[in-house]
PDB file of N, CA and C in Angstrom:
ATOM      1  N   MET A   1      85.537 110.553  69.223  1.00  0.00           N
ATOM      2  CA  MET A   1      85.639 109.685  70.373  1.00  0.00           C
ATOM      3  C   MET A   1      86.278 110.452  71.515  1.00  0.00           C
ATOM      4  N   ALA A   2      85.678 110.406  72.693  1.00  0.00           N
ATOM      5  CA  ALA A   2      86.178 111.150  73.847  1.00  0.00           C
ATOM      6  C   ALA A   2      87.399 110.458  74.435  1.00  0.00           C
ATOM      7  N   LYS A   3      88.337 111.268  74.870  1.00  0.00           N
ATOM      8  CA  LYS A   3      89.546 110.734  75.469  1.00  0.00           C
ATOM      9  C   LYS A   3      89.288 110.434  76.940  1.00  0.00           C
ATOM     10  N   LEU A   4      89.680 109.269  77.386  1.00  0.00           N
ATOM     11  CA  LEU A   4      89.498 108.882  78.778  1.00  0.00           C
ATOM     12  C   LEU A   4      90.538 109.573  79.654  1.00  0.00           C
ATOM     13  N   PRO A   5      90.183 109.893  80.901  1.00  0.00           N
ATOM     14  CA  PRO A   5      91.164 110.513  81.785  1.00  0.00           C
ATOM     15  C   PRO A   5      92.264 109.527  82.147  1.00  0.00           C
ATOM     16  N   LYS A   6      93.437 110.060  82.397  1.00  0.00           N
ATOM     17  CA  LYS A   6      94.587 109.232  82.739  1.00  0.00           C
ATOM     18  C   LYS A   6      94.373 108.596  84.107  1.00  0.00           C
ATOM     19  N   ALA A   7      94.523 107.295  84.180  1.00  0.00           N
ATOM     20  CA  ALA A   7      94.327 106.576  85.436  1.00  0.00           C
ATOM     21  C   ALA A   7      95.547 106.753  86.331  1.00  0.00           C
ATOM     22  N   ARG A   8      95.290 106.866  87.616  1.00  0.00           N
ATOM     23  CA  ARG A   8      96.361 106.981  88.606  1.00  0.00           C
ATOM     24  C   ARG A   8      96.324 105.751  89.485  1.00  0.00           C
ATOM     25  N   TYR A   9      97.457 105.129  89.669  1.00  0.00           N
ATOM     26  CA  TYR A   9      97.554 103.924  90.480  1.00  0.00           C
ATOM     27  C   TYR A   9      98.490 104.186  91.649  1.00  0.00           C
ATOM     28  N   SER A  10      98.140 103.643  92.799  1.00  0.00           N
ATOM     29  CA  SER A  10      98.988 103.816  93.973  1.00  0.00           C
ATOM     30  C   SER A  10     100.254 102.982  93.809  1.00  0.00           C
ATOM     31  N   ALA A  11     101.272 103.340  94.562  1.00  0.00           N
ATOM     32  CA  ALA A  11     102.537 102.616  94.493  1.00  0.00           C
ATOM     33  C   ALA A  11     102.360 101.181  94.977  1.00  0.00           C
ATOM     34  N   GLU A  12     101.501 100.980  95.978  1.00  0.00           N
ATOM     35  CA  GLU A  12     101.257  99.636  96.489  1.00  0.00           C
ATOM     36  C   GLU A  12     100.619  98.760  95.419  1.00  0.00           C
ATOM     37  N   PHE A  13      99.674  99.335  94.668  1.00  0.00           N
ATOM     38  CA  PHE A  13      99.022  98.594  93.590  1.00  0.00           C
ATOM     39  C   PHE A  13     100.042  98.202  92.531  1.00  0.00           C
ATOM     40  N   LYS A  14     100.923  99.136  92.175  1.00  0.00           N
ATOM     41  CA  LYS A  14     101.940  98.857  91.163  1.00  0.00           C
ATOM     42  C   LYS A  14     102.849  97.720  91.601  1.00  0.00           C
ATOM     43  N   ILE A  15     103.288  97.770  92.863  1.00  0.00           N
ATOM     44  CA  ILE A  15     104.196  96.739  93.381  1.00  0.00           C
ATOM     45  C   ILE A  15     103.509  95.387  93.381  1.00  0.00           C
ATOM     46  N   GLN A  16     102.269  95.337  93.827  1.00  0.00           N
ATOM     47  CA  GLN A  16     101.542  94.066  93.854  1.00  0.00           C
ATOM     48  C   GLN A  16     101.308  93.528  92.445  1.00  0.00           C
ATOM     49  N   ALA A  17     101.004  94.403  91.510  1.00  0.00           N
ATOM     50  CA  ALA A  17     100.780  93.969  90.132  1.00  0.00           C
ATOM     51  C   ALA A  17     102.057  93.406  89.521  1.00  0.00           C
ATOM     52  N   VAL A  18     103.170  94.079  89.761  1.00  0.00           N
ATOM     53  CA  VAL A  18     104.450  93.606  89.217  1.00  0.00           C
ATOM     54  C   VAL A  18     104.834  92.272  89.838  1.00  0.00           C
ATOM     55  N   LYS A  19     104.669  92.152  91.136  1.00  0.00           N
ATOM     56  CA  LYS A  19     105.005  90.885  91.790  1.00  0.00           C
ATOM     57  C   LYS A  19     104.109  89.755  91.302  1.00  0.00           C
ATOM     58  N   MET A  20     102.840  90.067  91.027  1.00  0.00           N
ATOM     59  CA  MET A  20     101.934  89.055  90.499  1.00  0.00           C
ATOM     60  C   MET A  20     102.405  88.586  89.123  1.00  0.00           C
ATOM     61  N   ALA A  21     102.863  89.527  88.319  1.00  0.00           N
ATOM     62  CA  ALA A  21     103.305  89.185  86.966  1.00  0.00           C
ATOM     63  C   ALA A  21     104.636  88.459  86.972  1.00  0.00           C
ATOM     64  N   VAL A  22     105.566  88.892  87.835  1.00  0.00           N
ATOM     65  CA  VAL A  22     106.919  88.343  87.817  1.00  0.00           C
ATOM     66  C   VAL A  22     107.037  87.090  88.682  1.00  0.00           C
ATOM     67  N   ASP A  23     106.613  87.188  89.930  1.00  0.00           N
ATOM     68  CA  ASP A  23     106.824  86.094  90.877  1.00  0.00           C
ATOM     69  C   ASP A  23     105.857  84.932  90.683  1.00  0.00           C
ATOM     70  N   ASN A  24     104.608  85.226  90.408  1.00  0.00           N
ATOM     71  CA  ASN A  24     103.622  84.163  90.257  1.00  0.00           C
ATOM     72  C   ASN A  24     103.672  83.499  88.892  1.00  0.00           C
ATOM     73  N   GLY A  25     104.401  84.085  87.962  1.00  0.00           N
ATOM     74  CA  GLY A  25     104.560  83.492  86.642  1.00  0.00           C
ATOM     75  C   GLY A  25     103.337  83.604  85.754  1.00  0.00           C
ATOM     76  N   LEU A  26     102.449  84.543  86.052  1.00  0.00           N
ATOM     77  CA  LEU A  26     101.248  84.706  85.227  1.00  0.00           C
ATOM     78  C   LEU A  26     101.562  85.375  83.902  1.00  0.00           C
ATOM     79  N   GLY A  27     102.571  86.184  83.890  1.00  0.00           N
ATOM     80  CA  GLY A  27     102.897  86.928  82.679  1.00  0.00           C
ATOM     81  C   GLY A  27     102.207  88.276  82.670  1.00  0.00           C
ATOM     82  N   VAL A  28     102.720  89.172  81.869  1.00  0.00           N
ATOM     83  CA  VAL A  28     102.224  90.538  81.829  1.00  0.00           C
ATOM     84  C   VAL A  28     100.811  90.605  81.277  1.00  0.00           C
ATOM     85  N   THR A  29     100.559  89.923  80.188  1.00  0.00           N
ATOM     86  CA  THR A  29      99.253  90.010  79.536  1.00  0.00           C
ATOM     87  C   THR A  29      98.139  89.465  80.424  1.00  0.00           C
ATOM     88  N   GLU A  30      98.361  88.291  81.009  1.00  0.00           N
ATOM     89  CA  GLU A  30      97.347  87.676  81.863  1.00  0.00           C
ATOM     90  C   GLU A  30      97.107  88.504  83.122  1.00  0.00           C
ATOM     91  N   THR A  31      98.171  89.012  83.731  1.00  0.00           N
ATOM     92  CA  THR A  31      98.025  89.835  84.937  1.00  0.00           C
ATOM     93  C   THR A  31      97.279  91.124  84.615  1.00  0.00           C
ATOM     94  N   ALA A  32      97.623  91.755  83.511  1.00  0.00           N
ATOM     95  CA  ALA A  32      96.946  92.988  83.108  1.00  0.00           C
ATOM     96  C   ALA A  32      95.465  92.730  82.855  1.00  0.00           C
ATOM     97  N   ARG A  33      95.143  91.612  82.237  1.00  0.00           N
ATOM     98  CA  ARG A  33      93.747  91.281  81.984  1.00  0.00           C
ATOM     99  C   ARG A  33      92.991  91.072  83.292  1.00  0.00           C
ATOM    100  N   ARG A  34      93.607  90.380  84.247  1.00  0.00           N
ATOM    101  CA  ARG A  34      92.958  90.129  85.535  1.00  0.00           C
ATOM    102  C   ARG A  34      92.752  91.406  86.344  1.00  0.00           C
ATOM    103  N   LEU A  35      93.676  92.342  86.210  1.00  0.00           N
ATOM    104  CA  LEU A  35      93.584  93.597  86.969  1.00  0.00           C
ATOM    105  C   LEU A  35      92.859  94.699  86.208  1.00  0.00           C
ATOM    106  N   SER A  36      92.477  94.421  84.982  1.00  0.00           N
ATOM    107  CA  SER A  36      91.772  95.389  84.124  1.00  0.00           C
ATOM    108  C   SER A  36      92.580  96.659  83.896  1.00  0.00           C
ATOM    109  N   ILE A  37      93.854  96.469  83.590  1.00  0.00           N
ATOM    110  CA  ILE A  37      94.723  97.591  83.233  1.00  0.00           C
ATOM    111  C   ILE A  37      95.355  97.285  81.882  1.00  0.00           C
ATOM    112  N   SER A  38      95.967  98.277  81.300  1.00  0.00           N
ATOM    113  CA  SER A  38      96.626  98.107  80.014  1.00  0.00           C
ATOM    114  C   SER A  38      97.864  97.234  80.164  1.00  0.00           C
ATOM    115  N   ASP A  39      98.046  96.315  79.223  1.00  0.00           N
ATOM    116  CA  ASP A  39      99.230  95.463  79.297  1.00  0.00           C
ATOM    117  C   ASP A  39     100.511  96.250  79.048  1.00  0.00           C
ATOM    118  N   LYS A  40     100.413  97.327  78.285  1.00  0.00           N
ATOM    119  CA  LYS A  40     101.586  98.185  78.041  1.00  0.00           C
ATOM    120  C   LYS A  40     101.993  98.897  79.342  1.00  0.00           C
ATOM    121  N   THR A  41     101.009  99.340  80.115  1.00  0.00           N
ATOM    122  CA  THR A  41     101.296  99.995  81.387  1.00  0.00           C
ATOM    123  C   THR A  41     102.011  99.031  82.320  1.00  0.00           C
ATOM    124  N   LEU A  42     101.473  97.826  82.439  1.00  0.00           N
ATOM    125  CA  LEU A  42     102.091  96.831  83.308  1.00  0.00           C
ATOM    126  C   LEU A  42     103.478  96.447  82.799  1.00  0.00           C
ATOM    127  N   ALA A  43     103.648  96.363  81.492  1.00  0.00           N
ATOM    128  CA  ALA A  43     104.961  96.044  80.929  1.00  0.00           C
ATOM    129  C   ALA A  43     105.980  97.127  81.281  1.00  0.00           C
ATOM    130  N   ASN A  44     105.551  98.392  81.267  1.00  0.00           N
ATOM    131  CA  ASN A  44     106.448  99.486  81.664  1.00  0.00           C
ATOM    132  C   ASN A  44     106.845  99.358  83.126  1.00  0.00           C
ATOM    133  N   TRP A  45     105.875  99.024  83.993  1.00  0.00           N
ATOM    134  CA  TRP A  45     106.170  98.857  85.415  1.00  0.00           C
ATOM    135  C   TRP A  45     107.150  97.704  85.635  1.00  0.00           C
ATOM    136  N   VAL A  46     106.946  96.600  84.922  1.00  0.00           N
ATOM    137  CA  VAL A  46     107.831  95.433  85.068  1.00  0.00           C
ATOM    138  C   VAL A  46     109.240  95.778  84.600  1.00  0.00           C
ATOM    139  N   ALA A  47     109.352  96.489  83.496  1.00  0.00           N
ATOM    140  CA  ALA A  47     110.673  96.882  82.996  1.00  0.00           C
ATOM    141  C   ALA A  47     111.382  97.785  83.997  1.00  0.00           C
ATOM    142  N   ARG A  48     110.657  98.734  84.570  1.00  0.00           N
ATOM    143  CA  ARG A  48     111.255  99.621  85.560  1.00  0.00           C
ATOM    144  C   ARG A  48     111.637  98.850  86.819  1.00  0.00           C
ATOM    145  N   TYR A  49     110.835  97.856  87.193  1.00  0.00           N
ATOM    146  CA  TYR A  49     111.119  97.023  88.358  1.00  0.00           C
ATOM    147  C   TYR A  49     112.390  96.207  88.131  1.00  0.00           C
ATOM    148  N   ARG A  50     112.533  95.670  86.935  1.00  0.00           N
ATOM    149  CA  ARG A  50     113.708  94.831  86.648  1.00  0.00           C
ATOM    150  C   ARG A  50     114.996  95.648  86.582  1.00  0.00           C
ATOM    151  N   THR A  51     114.922  96.901  86.177  1.00  0.00           N
ATOM    152  CA  THR A  51     116.128  97.719  86.102  1.00  0.00           C
ATOM    153  C   THR A  51     116.514  98.316  87.453  1.00  0.00           C
ATOM    154  N   ASP A  52     115.518  98.628  88.289  1.00  0.00           N
ATOM    155  CA  ASP A  52     115.812  99.273  89.573  1.00  0.00           C
ATOM    156  C   ASP A  52     114.797  98.814  90.625  1.00  0.00           C
ATOM    157  N   LYS A  53     115.023  97.636  91.191  1.00  0.00           N
ATOM    158  CA  LYS A  53     114.077  97.067  92.154  1.00  0.00           C
ATOM    159  C   LYS A  53     113.941  97.936  93.394  1.00  0.00           C
ATOM    160  N   ALA A  54     115.060  98.396  93.942  1.00  0.00           N
ATOM    161  CA  ALA A  54     115.012  99.195  95.177  1.00  0.00           C
ATOM    162  C   ALA A  54     114.300 100.519  94.944  1.00  0.00           C
ATOM    163  N   GLY A  55     114.590 101.175  93.842  1.00  0.00           N
ATOM    164  CA  GLY A  55     113.951 102.446  93.533  1.00  0.00           C
ATOM    165  C   GLY A  55     112.470 102.301  93.264  1.00  0.00           C
ATOM    166  N   PHE A  56     112.099 101.203  92.627  1.00  0.00           N
ATOM    167  CA  PHE A  56     110.687 100.965  92.322  1.00  0.00           C
ATOM    168  C   PHE A  56     109.890 100.730  93.596  1.00  0.00           C
ATOM    169  N   GLN A  57     110.460  99.993  94.542  1.00  0.00           N
ATOM    170  CA  GLN A  57     109.747  99.692  95.779  1.00  0.00           C
ATOM    171  C   GLN A  57     109.746 100.869  96.739  1.00  0.00           C
ATOM    172  N   ASN A  58     110.710 101.766  96.653  1.00  0.00           N
ATOM    173  CA  ASN A  58     110.740 102.952  97.512  1.00  0.00           C
ATOM    174  C   ASN A  58     109.914 104.092  96.942  1.00  0.00           C
ATOM    175  N   GLU A  59     109.303 103.863  95.808  1.00  0.00           N
ATOM    176  CA  GLU A  59     108.505 104.900  95.157  1.00  0.00           C
ATOM    177  C   GLU A  59     107.336 105.336  96.034  1.00  0.00           C
ATOM    178  N   SER A  60     106.800 104.425  96.837  1.00  0.00           N
ATOM    179  CA  SER A  60     105.644 104.771  97.679  1.00  0.00           C
ATOM    180  C   SER A  60     106.021 105.813  98.728  1.00  0.00           C
ATOM    181  N   VAL A  61     107.239 105.762  99.243  1.00  0.00           N
ATOM    182  CA  VAL A  61     107.679 106.750 100.224  1.00  0.00           C
ATOM    183  C   VAL A  61     107.773 108.121  99.575  1.00  0.00           C
ATOM    184  N   LEU A  62     108.342 108.178  98.401  1.00  0.00           N
ATOM    185  CA  LEU A  62     108.471 109.444  97.704  1.00  0.00           C
ATOM    186  C   LEU A  62     107.105 109.983  97.294  1.00  0.00           C
ATOM    187  N   SER A  63     106.241 109.117  96.814  1.00  0.00           N
ATOM    188  CA  SER A  63     104.951 109.600  96.365  1.00  0.00           C
ATOM    189  C   SER A  63     104.114 110.106  97.535  1.00  0.00           C
ATOM    190  N   ALA A  64     104.261 109.517  98.711  1.00  0.00           N
ATOM    191  CA  ALA A  64     103.532 110.002  99.885  1.00  0.00           C
ATOM    192  C   ALA A  64     104.020 111.395 100.270  1.00  0.00           C
ATOM    193  N   GLU A  65     105.331 111.580 100.245  1.00  0.00           N
ATOM    194  CA  GLU A  65     105.902 112.892 100.565  1.00  0.00           C
ATOM    195  C   GLU A  65     105.519 113.916  99.496  1.00  0.00           C
ATOM    196  N   GLU A  66     105.561 113.505  98.244  1.00  0.00           N
ATOM    197  CA  GLU A  66     105.209 114.417  97.161  1.00  0.00           C
ATOM    198  C   GLU A  66     103.731 114.790  97.206  1.00  0.00           C
ATOM    199  N   SER A  67     102.879 113.829  97.543  1.00  0.00           N
ATOM    200  CA  SER A  67     101.455 114.136  97.614  1.00  0.00           C
ATOM    201  C   SER A  67     101.157 115.079  98.778  1.00  0.00           C
ATOM    202  N   GLU A  68     101.851 114.901  99.898  1.00  0.00           N
ATOM    203  CA  GLU A  68     101.680 115.812 101.041  1.00  0.00           C
ATOM    204  C   GLU A  68     102.147 117.218 100.671  1.00  0.00           C
ATOM    205  N   LEU A  69     103.283 117.318  99.985  1.00  0.00           N
ATOM    206  CA  LEU A  69     103.794 118.609  99.555  1.00  0.00           C
ATOM    207  C   LEU A  69     102.822 119.273  98.581  1.00  0.00           C
ATOM    208  N   SER A  70     102.272 118.502  97.673  1.00  0.00           N
ATOM    209  CA  SER A  70     101.304 119.033  96.717  1.00  0.00           C
ATOM    210  C   SER A  70     100.053 119.537  97.428  1.00  0.00           C
ATOM    211  N   ARG A  71      99.569 118.771  98.385  1.00  0.00           N
ATOM    212  CA  ARG A  71      98.390 119.182  99.148  1.00  0.00           C
ATOM    213  C   ARG A  71      98.648 120.471  99.909  1.00  0.00           C
ATOM    214  N   LEU A  72      99.817 120.576 100.529  1.00  0.00           N
ATOM    215  CA  LEU A  72     100.153 121.785 101.279  1.00  0.00           C
ATOM    216  C   LEU A  72     100.301 122.996 100.368  1.00  0.00           C
ATOM    217  N   ARG A  73     100.836 122.805  99.178  1.00  0.00           N
ATOM    218  CA  ARG A  73     100.959 123.920  98.233  1.00  0.00           C
ATOM    219  C   ARG A  73      99.587 124.407  97.774  1.00  0.00           C
ATOM    220  N   ARG A  74      98.664 123.461  97.512  1.00  0.00           N
ATOM    221  CA  ARG A  74      97.300 123.857  97.131  1.00  0.00           C
ATOM    222  C   ARG A  74      96.628 124.616  98.267  1.00  0.00           C
ATOM    223  N   GLU A  75      96.789 124.121  99.480  1.00  0.00           N
ATOM    224  CA  GLU A  75      96.190 124.787 100.637  1.00  0.00           C
ATOM    225  C   GLU A  75      96.776 126.181 100.835  1.00  0.00           C
ATOM    226  N   ASN A  76      98.079 126.316 100.651  1.00  0.00           N
ATOM    227  CA  ASN A  76      98.750 127.609 100.784  1.00  0.00           C
ATOM    228  C   ASN A  76      98.225 128.597  99.746  1.00  0.00           C
ATOM    229  N   ALA A  77      98.050 128.136  98.519  1.00  0.00           N
ATOM    230  CA  ALA A  77      97.528 129.008  97.466  1.00  0.00           C
ATOM    231  C   ALA A  77      96.104 129.446  97.780  1.00  0.00           C
ATOM    232  N   GLN A  78      95.293 128.527  98.284  1.00  0.00           N
ATOM    233  CA  GLN A  78      93.922 128.854  98.657  1.00  0.00           C
ATOM    234  C   GLN A  78      93.898 129.907  99.769  1.00  0.00           C
ATOM    235  N   LEU A  79      94.728 129.727 100.782  1.00  0.00           N
ATOM    236  CA  LEU A  79      94.772 130.677 101.895  1.00  0.00           C
ATOM    237  C   LEU A  79      95.254 132.058 101.452  1.00  0.00           C
ATOM    238  N   ARG A  80      96.221 132.100 100.553  1.00  0.00           N
ATOM    239  CA  ARG A  80      96.696 133.394 100.037  1.00  0.00           C
ATOM    240  C   ARG A  80      95.590 134.108  99.268  1.00  0.00           C
ATOM    241  N   MET A  81      94.828 133.354  98.475  1.00  0.00           N
ATOM    242  CA  MET A  81      93.748 133.951  97.716  1.00  0.00           C
ATOM    243  C   MET A  81      92.682 134.510  98.663  1.00  0.00           C
ATOM    244  N   GLU A  82      92.335 133.762  99.684  1.00  0.00           N
ATOM    245  CA  GLU A  82      91.352 134.244 100.659  1.00  0.00           C
ATOM    246  C   GLU A  82      91.848 135.492 101.375  1.00  0.00           C
ATOM    247  N   ARG A  83      93.131 135.510 101.727  1.00  0.00           N
ATOM    248  CA  ARG A  83      93.717 136.673 102.395  1.00  0.00           C
ATOM    249  C   ARG A  83      93.629 137.907 101.509  1.00  0.00           C
ATOM    250  N   ASP A  84      93.954 137.743 100.230  1.00  0.00           N
ATOM    251  CA  ASP A  84      93.902 138.873  99.299  1.00  0.00           C
ATOM    252  C   ASP A  84      92.478 139.406  99.128  1.00  0.00           C
ATOM    253  N   ILE A  85      91.511 138.497  99.084  1.00  0.00           N
ATOM    254  CA  ILE A  85      90.116 138.924  98.967  1.00  0.00           C
ATOM    255  C   ILE A  85      89.699 139.715 100.198  1.00  0.00           C
ATOM    256  N   LEU A  86      90.091 139.244 101.371  1.00  0.00           N
ATOM    257  CA  LEU A  86      89.750 139.949 102.606  1.00  0.00           C
ATOM    258  C   LEU A  86      90.409 141.324 102.675  1.00  0.00           C
ATOM    259  N   LYS A  87      91.630 141.438 102.187  1.00  0.00           N
ATOM    260  CA  LYS A  87      92.308 142.742 102.158  1.00  0.00           C
ATOM    261  C   LYS A  87      91.542 143.719 101.271  1.00  0.00           C
ATOM    262  N   LYS A  88      91.137 143.252 100.097  1.00  0.00           N
ATOM    263  CA  LYS A  88      90.406 144.112  99.173  1.00  0.00           C
ATOM    264  C   LYS A  88      89.044 144.504  99.740  1.00  0.00           C
ATOM    265  N   ALA A  89      88.376 143.570 100.393  1.00  0.00           N
ATOM    266  CA  ALA A  89      87.074 143.871 100.993  1.00  0.00           C
ATOM    267  C   ALA A  89      87.220 144.892 102.130  1.00  0.00           C
ATOM    268  N   ALA A  90      88.248 144.749 102.933  1.00  0.00           N
ATOM    269  CA  ALA A  90      88.474 145.674 104.027  1.00  0.00           C
ATOM    270  C   ALA A  90      88.764 147.075 103.488  1.00  0.00           C
ATOM    271  N   ALA A  91      89.564 147.177 102.417  1.00  0.00           N
ATOM    272  CA  ALA A  91      89.856 148.468 101.822  1.00  0.00           C
ATOM    273  C   ALA A  91      88.602 149.093 101.223  1.00  0.00           C
ATOM    274  N   TYR A  92      87.763 148.283 100.599  1.00  0.00           N
ATOM    275  CA  TYR A  92      86.520 148.782  99.987  1.00  0.00           C
ATOM    276  C   TYR A  92      85.578 149.343 101.065  1.00  0.00           C
ATOM    277  N   PHE A  93      85.396 148.612 102.134  1.00  0.00           N
ATOM    278  CA  PHE A  93      84.492 149.082 103.183  1.00  0.00           C
ATOM    279  C   PHE A  93      85.072 150.260 103.970  1.00  0.00           C
ATOM    280  N   ALA A  94      86.395 150.340 104.042  1.00  0.00           N
ATOM    281  CA  ALA A  94      87.026 151.488 104.708  1.00  0.00           C
ATOM    282  C   ALA A  94      86.786 152.762 103.890  1.00  0.00           C
ATOM    283  N   LYS A  95      86.802 152.660 102.557  1.00  0.00           N
ATOM    284  CA  LYS A  95      86.533 153.804 101.697  1.00  0.00           C
ATOM    285  C   LYS A  95      85.102 154.294 101.870  1.00  0.00           C
ATOM    286  N   GLU A  96      84.174 153.381 101.960  1.00  0.00           N
ATOM    287  CA  GLU A  96      82.759 153.756 102.077  1.00  0.00           C
ATOM    288  C   GLU A  96      82.446 154.445 103.413  1.00  0.00           C
ATOM    289  N   SER A  97      83.177 154.064 104.444  1.00  0.00           N
ATOM    290  CA  SER A  97      82.888 154.648 105.761  1.00  0.00           C
ATOM    291  C   SER A  97      83.417 156.083 105.881  1.00  0.00           C
ATOM    292  N   LEU A  98      84.286 156.504 104.994  1.00  0.00           N
ATOM    293  CA  LEU A  98      84.823 157.867 105.050  1.00  0.00           C
ATOM    294  C   LEU A  98      83.934 158.862 104.450  1.00  0.00           C
TER     295      LEU A  98
END
């Protein structure tokens, strides 16, 4: 049986799902079924929300900054690789012209 890729959920989705489960009184199982996510995943989010409400809701700010940093690091690595290729190509063609 093939393993499914790990699903990624935005911080806004997590907050809305937790509020639906906690505030609306639907419960974890019913909310998870309606959103088509694992009830264990939603239960973990609810537990984290109940222990640290402020940290859970500020997660979107951190994840936005972290995603920007990750994107910039990937771009930096790509640019370094291109630079190195161009250096090697320039050296190769300089040898041939001599």
